[in-house]
Amino acid sequence: MNKKIILFNVIYYVIVIGLIKLGRDSPSSSLGYGYFIIIFWILASILLVFLLIKKIIYPKTILEKIGVFTATPLISLLGFMIIMSFKENTSSEWIFNKNGKRYKVLTFDKDKSTGGRRIEYYSSIDTISTKEDIWIKDSIWVYLSKTGDTLKKVK
């Protein structure tokens, strides 16, 4: 296969995967990384079209044409959608202090297994004074159906 096509693909996917990872690691700024991904997709598409028009990259074989196609946003967009379908989005997170400990309540609007809501309760192992909280399951976790009925409770 053409080394230029392979190089373009490697650089393209390193940047896309890096931006997606940065967005997932920092949910508060993930929207900004989303804009960077879209801008990068546009710039990469323009660069790919330019390289094809100027015949700097000239795919001759079927394998090389597949290589050019995989360097388009269509494949990475599909991959991004598949990755996001596995991630559950927290609809609300509430952290509070009580009796010298920290507590966290997470609510998921769409639970992967039931399709309804799920509410999780955590408490910190240590007191409030620690820099990083280590969370353990606390209380009763409630699984709700789409209509709001309680499906199960886990202690």
C-alpha atoms as a PDB file:
ATOM      1  CA  MET A   1       0.000   0.000   0.000  1.00  0.00           C
ATOM      2  CA  ASN A   2       1.074   3.579  -0.618  1.00  0.00           C
ATOM      3  CA  LYS A   3       3.157   4.867   2.322  1.00  0.00           C
ATOM      4  CA  LYS A   4       1.575   8.321   2.051  1.00  0.00           C
ATOM      5  CA  ILE A   5      -1.912   6.864   2.549  1.00  0.00           C
ATOM      6  CA  ILE A   6      -0.743   4.879   5.570  1.00  0.00           C
ATOM      7  CA  LEU A   7       0.991   7.946   7.032  1.00  0.00           C
ATOM      8  CA  PHE A   8      -2.116  10.096   6.488  1.00  0.00           C
ATOM      9  CA  ASN A   9      -4.300   7.446   8.189  1.00  0.00           C
ATOM     10  CA  VAL A  10      -1.958   7.083  11.166  1.00  0.00           C
ATOM     11  CA  ILE A  11      -1.718  10.837  11.775  1.00  0.00           C
ATOM     12  CA  TYR A  12      -5.462  11.251  11.226  1.00  0.00           C
ATOM     13  CA  TYR A  13      -6.473   8.573  13.736  1.00  0.00           C
ATOM     14  CA  VAL A  14      -3.877   9.549  16.344  1.00  0.00           C
ATOM     15  CA  ILE A  15      -5.308  13.072  16.377  1.00  0.00           C
ATOM     16  CA  VAL A  16      -8.966  11.953  16.347  1.00  0.00           C
ATOM     17  CA  ILE A  17      -8.500   9.340  19.086  1.00  0.00           C
ATOM     18  CA  GLY A  18      -6.457  11.814  21.130  1.00  0.00           C
ATOM     19  CA  LEU A  19      -9.181  14.467  20.925  1.00  0.00           C
ATOM     20  CA  ILE A  20     -11.886  11.926  21.822  1.00  0.00           C
ATOM     21  CA  LYS A  21      -9.836  10.716  24.793  1.00  0.00           C
ATOM     22  CA  LEU A  22      -9.293  14.281  26.001  1.00  0.00           C
ATOM     23  CA  GLY A  23     -13.030  14.933  25.726  1.00  0.00           C
ATOM     24  CA  ARG A  24     -13.937  11.787  27.658  1.00  0.00           C
ATOM     25  CA  ASP A  25     -11.320  12.446  30.371  1.00  0.00           C
ATOM     26  CA  SER A  26     -12.572  15.983  30.949  1.00  0.00           C
ATOM     27  CA  PRO A  27     -16.395  16.014  30.730  1.00  0.00           C
ATOM     28  CA  SER A  28     -16.584  19.690  31.688  1.00  0.00           C
ATOM     29  CA  SER A  29     -14.699  20.701  28.549  1.00  0.00           C
ATOM     30  CA  SER A  30     -15.859  17.912  26.234  1.00  0.00           C
ATOM     31  CA  LEU A  31     -17.966  20.319  24.167  1.00  0.00           C
ATOM     32  CA  GLY A  32     -14.826  22.271  23.293  1.00  0.00           C
ATOM     33  CA  TYR A  33     -13.079  19.087  22.190  1.00  0.00           C
ATOM     34  CA  GLY A  34     -16.165  18.236  20.142  1.00  0.00           C
ATOM     35  CA  TYR A  35     -15.682  21.483  18.229  1.00  0.00           C
ATOM     36  CA  PHE A  36     -11.988  20.663  17.746  1.00  0.00           C
ATOM     37  CA  ILE A  37     -12.913  17.245  16.341  1.00  0.00           C
ATOM     38  CA  ILE A  38     -15.380  18.763  13.875  1.00  0.00           C
ATOM     39  CA  ILE A  39     -12.871  21.422  12.803  1.00  0.00           C
ATOM     40  CA  PHE A  40     -10.170  18.750  12.429  1.00  0.00           C
ATOM     41  CA  TRP A  41     -12.512  16.558  10.343  1.00  0.00           C
ATOM     42  CA  ILE A  42     -13.193  19.492   8.014  1.00  0.00           C
ATOM     43  CA  LEU A  43      -9.498  20.378   7.689  1.00  0.00           C
ATOM     44  CA  ALA A  44      -8.477  16.737   7.165  1.00  0.00           C
ATOM     45  CA  SER A  45     -11.156  16.297   4.496  1.00  0.00           C
ATOM     46  CA  ILE A  46      -9.995  19.424   2.674  1.00  0.00           C
ATOM     47  CA  LEU A  47      -6.379  18.246   2.901  1.00  0.00           C
ATOM     48  CA  LEU A  48      -7.321  14.771   1.629  1.00  0.00           C
ATOM     49  CA  VAL A  49      -9.237  16.215  -1.332  1.00  0.00           C
ATOM     50  CA  PHE A  50      -6.282  18.526  -2.079  1.00  0.00           C
ATOM     51  CA  LEU A  51      -3.830  15.607  -1.970  1.00  0.00           C
ATOM     52  CA  LEU A  52      -6.069  13.572  -4.284  1.00  0.00           C
ATOM     53  CA  ILE A  53      -6.557  16.436  -6.766  1.00  0.00           C
ATOM     54  CA  LYS A  54      -2.826  17.223  -6.900  1.00  0.00           C
ATOM     55  CA  LYS A  55      -2.173  13.449  -7.213  1.00  0.00           C
ATOM     56  CA  ILE A  56       0.200  13.481  -4.277  1.00  0.00           C
ATOM     57  CA  ILE A  57      -1.854  10.567  -3.035  1.00  0.00           C
ATOM     58  CA  TYR A  58      -2.967   8.465  -5.959  1.00  0.00           C
ATOM     59  CA  PRO A  59      -4.794   5.277  -4.983  1.00  0.00           C
ATOM     60  CA  LYS A  60      -4.385   2.633  -7.669  1.00  0.00           C
ATOM     61  CA  THR A  61      -5.458  -0.601  -6.012  1.00  0.00           C
ATOM     62  CA  ILE A  62      -8.644  -1.469  -4.157  1.00  0.00           C
ATOM     63  CA  LEU A  63      -6.666  -1.652  -0.902  1.00  0.00           C
ATOM     64  CA  GLU A  64      -5.345   1.878  -1.412  1.00  0.00           C
ATOM     65  CA  LYS A  65      -8.852   3.156  -2.181  1.00  0.00           C
ATOM     66  CA  ILE A  66     -10.091   1.557   1.046  1.00  0.00           C
ATOM     67  CA  GLY A  67      -7.167   3.259   2.822  1.00  0.00           C
ATOM     68  CA  VAL A  68      -8.267   6.656   1.467  1.00  0.00           C
ATOM     69  CA  PHE A  69     -11.883   5.965   2.475  1.00  0.00           C
ATOM     70  CA  THR A  70     -10.856   5.074   6.043  1.00  0.00           C
ATOM     71  CA  ALA A  71      -9.175   8.481   6.366  1.00  0.00           C
ATOM     72  CA  THR A  72     -12.509  10.252   5.960  1.00  0.00           C
ATOM     73  CA  PRO A  73     -14.701  11.435   8.829  1.00  0.00           C
ATOM     74  CA  LEU A  74     -17.366   8.853   7.959  1.00  0.00           C
ATOM     75  CA  ILE A  75     -15.464   5.955   9.532  1.00  0.00           C
ATOM     76  CA  SER A  76     -14.291   7.921  12.571  1.00  0.00           C
ATOM     77  CA  LEU A  77     -17.808   9.335  13.064  1.00  0.00           C
ATOM     78  CA  LEU A  78     -19.209   5.803  13.009  1.00  0.00           C
ATOM     79  CA  GLY A  79     -16.540   4.673  15.480  1.00  0.00           C
ATOM     80  CA  PHE A  80     -17.261   7.677  17.708  1.00  0.00           C
ATOM     81  CA  MET A  81     -20.980   6.845  17.711  1.00  0.00           C
ATOM     82  CA  ILE A  82     -20.252   3.218  18.629  1.00  0.00           C
ATOM     83  CA  ILE A  83     -17.946   4.284  21.482  1.00  0.00           C
ATOM     84  CA  MET A  84     -20.522   6.751  22.815  1.00  0.00           C
ATOM     85  CA  SER A  85     -23.266   4.114  22.729  1.00  0.00           C
ATOM     86  CA  PHE A  86     -21.337   2.108  25.342  1.00  0.00           C
ATOM     87  CA  LYS A  87     -20.907   5.065  27.700  1.00  0.00           C
ATOM     88  CA  GLU A  88     -23.690   5.861  30.110  1.00  0.00           C
ATOM     89  CA  ASN A  89     -24.234   9.555  30.575  1.00  0.00           C
ATOM     90  CA  THR A  90     -24.818  10.839  34.068  1.00  0.00           C
ATOM     91  CA  SER A  91     -27.879  13.074  34.068  1.00  0.00           C
ATOM     92  CA  SER A  92     -27.065  14.493  37.495  1.00  0.00           C
ATOM     93  CA  GLU A  93     -24.308  14.249  40.062  1.00  0.00           C
ATOM     94  CA  TRP A  94     -24.706  15.562  43.559  1.00  0.00           C
ATOM     95  CA  ILE A  95     -21.840  15.642  46.074  1.00  0.00           C
ATOM     96  CA  PHE A  96     -22.401  16.781  49.637  1.00  0.00           C
ATOM     97  CA  ASN A  97     -20.764  16.636  53.068  1.00  0.00           C
ATOM     98  CA  LYS A  98     -22.461  15.184  56.128  1.00  0.00           C
ATOM     99  CA  ASN A  99     -21.039  14.167  59.515  1.00  0.00           C
ATOM    100  CA  GLY A 100     -17.431  14.540  58.370  1.00  0.00           C
ATOM    101  CA  LYS A 101     -17.804  12.381  55.246  1.00  0.00           C
ATOM    102  CA  ARG A 102     -18.489  13.077  51.592  1.00  0.00           C
ATOM    103  CA  TYR A 103     -21.424  11.521  49.763  1.00  0.00           C
ATOM    104  CA  LYS A 104     -22.210  11.310  46.068  1.00  0.00           C
ATOM    105  CA  VAL A 105     -25.507  10.581  44.313  1.00  0.00           C
ATOM    106  CA  LEU A 106     -25.430   9.736  40.593  1.00  0.00           C
ATOM    107  CA  THR A 107     -28.548   9.592  38.431  1.00  0.00           C
ATOM    108  CA  PHE A 108     -28.543   7.946  35.005  1.00  0.00           C
ATOM    109  CA  ASP A 109     -31.578   8.692  32.833  1.00  0.00           C
ATOM    110  CA  LYS A 110     -31.021   5.708  30.580  1.00  0.00           C
ATOM    111  CA  ASP A 111     -29.698   2.543  32.200  1.00  0.00           C
ATOM    112  CA  LYS A 112     -28.078   0.134  29.710  1.00  0.00           C
ATOM    113  CA  SER A 113     -29.758  -2.966  31.108  1.00  0.00           C
ATOM    114  CA  THR A 114     -33.272  -1.732  31.957  1.00  0.00           C
ATOM    115  CA  GLY A 115     -33.743   1.272  29.690  1.00  0.00           C
ATOM    116  CA  GLY A 116     -35.090   3.289  32.634  1.00  0.00           C
ATOM    117  CA  ARG A 117     -33.406   5.404  35.303  1.00  0.00           C
ATOM    118  CA  ARG A 118     -30.785   4.285  37.806  1.00  0.00           C
ATOM    119  CA  ILE A 119     -29.786   6.068  40.993  1.00  0.00           C
ATOM    120  CA  GLU A 120     -26.472   5.191  42.652  1.00  0.00           C
ATOM    121  CA  TYR A 121     -25.286   6.234  46.102  1.00  0.00           C
ATOM    122  CA  TYR A 122     -21.633   6.416  47.171  1.00  0.00           C
ATOM    123  CA  SER A 123     -19.780   7.482  50.276  1.00  0.00           C
ATOM    124  CA  SER A 124     -16.123   8.348  50.617  1.00  0.00           C
ATOM    125  CA  ILE A 125     -13.844   6.027  52.538  1.00  0.00           C
ATOM    126  CA  ASP A 126     -12.034   8.871  54.275  1.00  0.00           C
ATOM    127  CA  THR A 127     -13.106  12.118  55.830  1.00  0.00           C
ATOM    128  CA  ILE A 128     -13.586  15.399  53.974  1.00  0.00           C
ATOM    129  CA  SER A 129      -9.963  16.478  54.470  1.00  0.00           C
ATOM    130  CA  THR A 130      -8.482  14.118  51.829  1.00  0.00           C
ATOM    131  CA  LYS A 131      -7.563  15.555  48.445  1.00  0.00           C
ATOM    132  CA  GLU A 132      -8.974  12.723  46.322  1.00  0.00           C
ATOM    133  CA  ASP A 133     -12.107  10.848  47.287  1.00  0.00           C
ATOM    134  CA  ILE A 134     -12.236   7.085  47.073  1.00  0.00           C
ATOM    135  CA  TRP A 135     -15.870   6.151  46.582  1.00  0.00           C
ATOM    136  CA  ILE A 136     -17.584   2.968  47.780  1.00  0.00           C
ATOM    137  CA  LYS A 137     -21.147   1.837  47.151  1.00  0.00           C
ATOM    138  CA  ASP A 138     -23.495   3.080  49.809  1.00  0.00           C
ATOM    139  CA  SER A 139     -27.141   2.629  50.701  1.00  0.00           C
ATOM    140  CA  ILE A 140     -29.561   1.132  48.182  1.00  0.00           C
ATOM    141  CA  TRP A 141     -29.252   1.477  44.436  1.00  0.00           C
ATOM    142  CA  VAL A 142     -32.625   1.908  42.762  1.00  0.00           C
ATOM    143  CA  TYR A 143     -33.415   0.835  39.183  1.00  0.00           C
ATOM    144  CA  LEU A 144     -36.496   2.453  37.667  1.00  0.00           C
ATOM    145  CA  SER A 145     -38.421   1.602  34.486  1.00  0.00           C
ATOM    146  CA  LYS A 146     -39.174   4.178  31.812  1.00  0.00           C
ATOM    147  CA  THR A 147     -42.534   4.816  33.474  1.00  0.00           C
ATOM    148  CA  GLY A 148     -40.913   5.342  36.897  1.00  0.00           C
ATOM    149  CA  ASP A 149     -41.780   2.008  38.490  1.00  0.00           C
ATOM    150  CA  THR A 150     -39.122   0.438  40.704  1.00  0.00           C
ATOM    151  CA  LEU A 151     -37.653  -2.567  38.879  1.00  0.00           C
ATOM    152  CA  LYS A 152     -35.127  -3.627  41.520  1.00  0.00           C
ATOM    153  CA  LYS A 153     -33.189  -2.427  44.517  1.00  0.00           C
ATOM    154  CA  VAL A 154     -29.620  -3.502  45.226  1.00  0.00           C
ATOM    155  CA  LYS A 155     -28.119  -3.124  48.722  1.00  0.00           C
END
